[in-house]
Amino acid sequence: MELVGKIKKVMDTQVVSDKFKKREFVLSTDLNTPYPQHILFQTTQEKCALLDALKPNDEVKVTFNIRGREWTSPQDGQVKYFVTLEAWRIDKLTPVAPGTTPESSSTHYTPSENISTSVNTDTSTDISTEGDDLPF
């Protein structure tokens, strides 16, 4: 999944154990509405370094996975569920150059710096356009 927004806050790296560390950040979306959303993401292990180049108000596109887990309290047996948004790629965005038209760009921003080491190399397409302009 992907989400575009502005960095609100980047936290320090937390060393949970000898073999596990995490770093959290808050992404703000819907800033031009009466109800902006402030969404907590986390990175783990070597991906914690993705946040080193970011600062508040940087516009980014975050690619992430949703992780869910169940926890049972040892005291009363009550079951709780937790959700984590695990970021694995962060692209810093910059405004499109003046003079370009909306037709020449699918979004209002373009990646200026790919902070992630992940690269999607799948360029194959298998979409038939015979008699239909919809891709599905």
C-alpha atoms as a PDB file:
ATOM      1  CA  MET A   1       0.000   0.000   0.000  1.00  0.00           C
ATOM      2  CA  GLU A   2       1.061   3.590  -0.525  1.00  0.00           C
ATOM      3  CA  LEU A   3       0.191   6.858   1.163  1.00  0.00           C
ATOM      4  CA  VAL A   4       1.329  10.434   0.465  1.00  0.00           C
ATOM      5  CA  GLY A   5       1.626  13.039   3.193  1.00  0.00           C
ATOM      6  CA  LYS A   6       3.954  15.276   5.177  1.00  0.00           C
ATOM      7  CA  ILE A   7       6.325  14.111   7.875  1.00  0.00           C
ATOM      8  CA  LYS A   8       5.067  15.455  11.198  1.00  0.00           C
ATOM      9  CA  LYS A   9       7.570  13.827  13.540  1.00  0.00           C
ATOM     10  CA  VAL A  10      10.449  11.334  13.423  1.00  0.00           C
ATOM     11  CA  MET A  11      11.255   9.521  16.659  1.00  0.00           C
ATOM     12  CA  ASP A  12      14.589   8.132  17.811  1.00  0.00           C
ATOM     13  CA  THR A  13      15.515   4.502  17.161  1.00  0.00           C
ATOM     14  CA  GLN A  14      14.407   2.156  19.951  1.00  0.00           C
ATOM     15  CA  VAL A  15      16.570  -0.890  20.626  1.00  0.00           C
ATOM     16  CA  VAL A  16      14.057  -3.504  21.797  1.00  0.00           C
ATOM     17  CA  SER A  17      16.563  -6.376  22.088  1.00  0.00           C
ATOM     18  CA  ASP A  18      20.006  -7.392  20.831  1.00  0.00           C
ATOM     19  CA  LYS A  19      18.420  -8.549  17.587  1.00  0.00           C
ATOM     20  CA  PHE A  20      15.555  -6.074  17.106  1.00  0.00           C
ATOM     21  CA  LYS A  21      15.292  -2.303  16.719  1.00  0.00           C
ATOM     22  CA  LYS A  22      12.505  -0.055  15.473  1.00  0.00           C
ATOM     23  CA  ARG A  23      11.921   3.586  14.656  1.00  0.00           C
ATOM     24  CA  GLU A  24       8.559   5.322  14.417  1.00  0.00           C
ATOM     25  CA  PHE A  25       7.379   8.378  12.521  1.00  0.00           C
ATOM     26  CA  VAL A  26       4.114  10.260  12.069  1.00  0.00           C
ATOM     27  CA  LEU A  27       2.761  11.044   8.604  1.00  0.00           C
ATOM     28  CA  SER A  28       0.098  13.772   8.309  1.00  0.00           C
ATOM     29  CA  THR A  29      -2.474  13.464   5.516  1.00  0.00           C
ATOM     30  CA  ASP A  30      -5.624  15.354   4.536  1.00  0.00           C
ATOM     31  CA  LEU A  31      -4.029  18.613   5.671  1.00  0.00           C
ATOM     32  CA  ASN A  32      -6.402  20.726   3.564  1.00  0.00           C
ATOM     33  CA  THR A  33      -9.483  19.368   5.321  1.00  0.00           C
ATOM     34  CA  PRO A  34     -11.038  20.169   8.707  1.00  0.00           C
ATOM     35  CA  TYR A  35      -9.929  16.708   9.909  1.00  0.00           C
ATOM     36  CA  PRO A  36      -6.260  16.030   9.130  1.00  0.00           C
ATOM     37  CA  GLN A  37      -5.040  12.506   9.871  1.00  0.00           C
ATOM     38  CA  HIS A  38      -1.825  11.843  11.799  1.00  0.00           C
ATOM     39  CA  ILE A  39      -0.772   8.253  11.130  1.00  0.00           C
ATOM     40  CA  LEU A  40       1.931   6.365  13.049  1.00  0.00           C
ATOM     41  CA  PHE A  41       4.271   4.166  10.980  1.00  0.00           C
ATOM     42  CA  GLN A  42       7.268   2.145  12.021  1.00  0.00           C
ATOM     43  CA  THR A  43      10.432   0.899  10.372  1.00  0.00           C
ATOM     44  CA  THR A  44      12.512  -1.991  11.679  1.00  0.00           C
ATOM     45  CA  GLN A  45      16.088  -3.212  11.546  1.00  0.00           C
ATOM     46  CA  GLU A  46      18.096  -1.718   8.630  1.00  0.00           C
ATOM     47  CA  LYS A  47      15.027   0.214   7.391  1.00  0.00           C
ATOM     48  CA  CYS A  48      15.376   2.548  10.417  1.00  0.00           C
ATOM     49  CA  ALA A  49      18.024   4.385   8.386  1.00  0.00           C
ATOM     50  CA  LEU A  50      15.347   5.426   5.851  1.00  0.00           C
ATOM     51  CA  LEU A  51      14.303   8.156   8.281  1.00  0.00           C
ATOM     52  CA  ASP A  52      17.772   9.706   8.693  1.00  0.00           C
ATOM     53  CA  ALA A  53      17.349  12.006   5.667  1.00  0.00           C
ATOM     54  CA  LEU A  54      13.835  13.183   6.595  1.00  0.00           C
ATOM     55  CA  LYS A  55      12.673  16.150   8.626  1.00  0.00           C
ATOM     56  CA  PRO A  56       9.267  17.608   9.587  1.00  0.00           C
ATOM     57  CA  ASN A  57       7.227  19.023   6.671  1.00  0.00           C
ATOM     58  CA  ASP A  58       9.011  16.889   4.045  1.00  0.00           C
ATOM     59  CA  GLU A  59       6.411  15.587   1.573  1.00  0.00           C
ATOM     60  CA  VAL A  60       6.840  11.837   1.074  1.00  0.00           C
ATOM     61  CA  LYS A  61       5.213   8.768  -0.409  1.00  0.00           C
ATOM     62  CA  VAL A  62       5.347   5.853   2.045  1.00  0.00           C
ATOM     63  CA  THR A  63       5.057   2.273   0.823  1.00  0.00           C
ATOM     64  CA  PHE A  64       4.038  -0.038   3.653  1.00  0.00           C
ATOM     65  CA  ASN A  65       2.533  -3.328   4.777  1.00  0.00           C
ATOM     66  CA  ILE A  66      -0.217  -3.720   7.357  1.00  0.00           C
ATOM     67  CA  ARG A  67       0.688  -6.115  10.175  1.00  0.00           C
ATOM     68  CA  GLY A  68      -1.797  -7.409  12.744  1.00  0.00           C
ATOM     69  CA  ARG A  69      -1.308  -9.535  15.842  1.00  0.00           C
ATOM     70  CA  GLU A  70      -3.295 -10.993  18.687  1.00  0.00           C
ATOM     71  CA  TRP A  71      -2.241 -10.781  22.343  1.00  0.00           C
ATOM     72  CA  THR A  72      -3.797 -12.580  25.305  1.00  0.00           C
ATOM     73  CA  SER A  73      -3.372 -11.050  28.762  1.00  0.00           C
ATOM     74  CA  PRO A  74      -1.746 -13.521  31.168  1.00  0.00           C
ATOM     75  CA  GLN A  75      -3.709 -12.001  34.093  1.00  0.00           C
ATOM     76  CA  ASP A  76      -7.317 -12.273  32.895  1.00  0.00           C
ATOM     77  CA  GLY A  77      -7.128 -14.010  29.513  1.00  0.00           C
ATOM     78  CA  GLN A  78      -8.561 -10.974  27.721  1.00  0.00           C
ATOM     79  CA  VAL A  79      -7.660 -10.924  24.016  1.00  0.00           C
ATOM     80  CA  LYS A  80      -6.519  -7.695  22.336  1.00  0.00           C
ATOM     81  CA  TYR A  81      -5.591  -7.001  18.732  1.00  0.00           C
ATOM     82  CA  PHE A  82      -2.877  -4.645  17.523  1.00  0.00           C
ATOM     83  CA  VAL A  83      -2.165  -3.205  14.071  1.00  0.00           C
ATOM     84  CA  THR A  84       1.193  -1.902  12.851  1.00  0.00           C
ATOM     85  CA  LEU A  85       1.900  -0.024   9.627  1.00  0.00           C
ATOM     86  CA  GLU A  86       5.352  -1.273   8.599  1.00  0.00           C
ATOM     87  CA  ALA A  87       7.056   1.167   6.184  1.00  0.00           C
ATOM     88  CA  TRP A  88       9.594  -0.406   3.834  1.00  0.00           C
ATOM     89  CA  ARG A  89      10.091   2.350   1.258  1.00  0.00           C
ATOM     90  CA  ILE A  90       9.954   6.132   1.552  1.00  0.00           C
ATOM     91  CA  ASP A  91      10.213   8.454  -1.464  1.00  0.00           C
ATOM     92  CA  LYS A  92      10.801  12.145  -0.811  1.00  0.00           C
ATOM     93  CA  LEU A  93       8.608  14.202  -3.164  1.00  0.00           C
ATOM     94  CA  THR A  94       9.111  17.587  -4.780  1.00  0.00           C
ATOM     95  CA  PRO A  95       6.624  19.783  -6.679  1.00  0.00           C
ATOM     96  CA  VAL A  96       6.356  19.315 -10.449  1.00  0.00           C
ATOM     97  CA  ALA A  97       8.140  22.034 -12.418  1.00  0.00           C
ATOM     98  CA  PRO A  98       6.014  25.088 -13.306  1.00  0.00           C
ATOM     99  CA  GLY A  99       4.551  25.083 -16.798  1.00  0.00           C
ATOM    100  CA  THR A 100       3.675  21.397 -16.867  1.00  0.00           C
ATOM    101  CA  THR A 101       0.074  20.441 -17.399  1.00  0.00           C
ATOM    102  CA  PRO A 102      -1.923  17.913 -15.363  1.00  0.00           C
ATOM    103  CA  GLU A 103      -2.027  15.694 -18.448  1.00  0.00           C
ATOM    104  CA  SER A 104       1.761  15.387 -18.430  1.00  0.00           C
ATOM    105  CA  SER A 105       1.891  14.199 -14.836  1.00  0.00           C
ATOM    106  CA  SER A 106      -0.303  11.676 -13.043  1.00  0.00           C
ATOM    107  CA  THR A 107       0.303  13.340  -9.669  1.00  0.00           C
ATOM    108  CA  HIS A 108       1.238  16.793  -8.475  1.00  0.00           C
ATOM    109  CA  TYR A 109       4.570  15.544  -7.170  1.00  0.00           C
ATOM    110  CA  THR A 110       7.461  13.482  -8.447  1.00  0.00           C
ATOM    111  CA  PRO A 111      10.015  11.477  -6.460  1.00  0.00           C
ATOM    112  CA  SER A 112      13.109  13.588  -5.905  1.00  0.00           C
ATOM    113  CA  GLU A 113      15.017  11.059  -3.886  1.00  0.00           C
ATOM    114  CA  ASN A 114      14.424   7.355  -3.485  1.00  0.00           C
ATOM    115  CA  ILE A 115      15.425   6.800   0.105  1.00  0.00           C
ATOM    116  CA  SER A 116      14.775   3.058  -0.054  1.00  0.00           C
ATOM    117  CA  THR A 117      17.043   0.398  -1.467  1.00  0.00           C
ATOM    118  CA  SER A 118      13.999  -1.541  -2.682  1.00  0.00           C
ATOM    119  CA  VAL A 119      13.411  -1.554  -6.420  1.00  0.00           C
ATOM    120  CA  ASN A 120      10.412  -2.968  -8.241  1.00  0.00           C
ATOM    121  CA  THR A 121      11.779  -4.556 -11.412  1.00  0.00           C
ATOM    122  CA  ASP A 122       8.499  -6.051 -12.633  1.00  0.00           C
ATOM    123  CA  THR A 123       7.824  -4.252 -15.905  1.00  0.00           C
ATOM    124  CA  SER A 124       5.614  -6.895 -17.471  1.00  0.00           C
ATOM    125  CA  THR A 125       2.047  -6.049 -18.366  1.00  0.00           C
ATOM    126  CA  ASP A 126      -0.587  -8.496 -19.455  1.00  0.00           C
ATOM    127  CA  ILE A 127      -3.559  -6.191 -19.944  1.00  0.00           C
ATOM    128  CA  SER A 128      -5.776  -6.671 -22.961  1.00  0.00           C
ATOM    129  CA  THR A 129      -7.291  -3.480 -24.332  1.00  0.00           C
ATOM    130  CA  GLU A 130      -9.309  -5.182 -27.034  1.00  0.00           C
ATOM    131  CA  GLY A 131     -12.635  -3.283 -27.206  1.00  0.00           C
ATOM    132  CA  ASP A 132     -12.329  -1.944 -23.671  1.00  0.00           C
ATOM    133  CA  ASP A 133     -10.315   0.875 -22.157  1.00  0.00           C
ATOM    134  CA  LEU A 134     -10.557  -0.503 -18.599  1.00  0.00           C
ATOM    135  CA  PRO A 135      -7.515  -2.436 -17.311  1.00  0.00           C
ATOM    136  CA  PHE A 136      -9.668  -5.086 -15.561  1.00  0.00           C
END
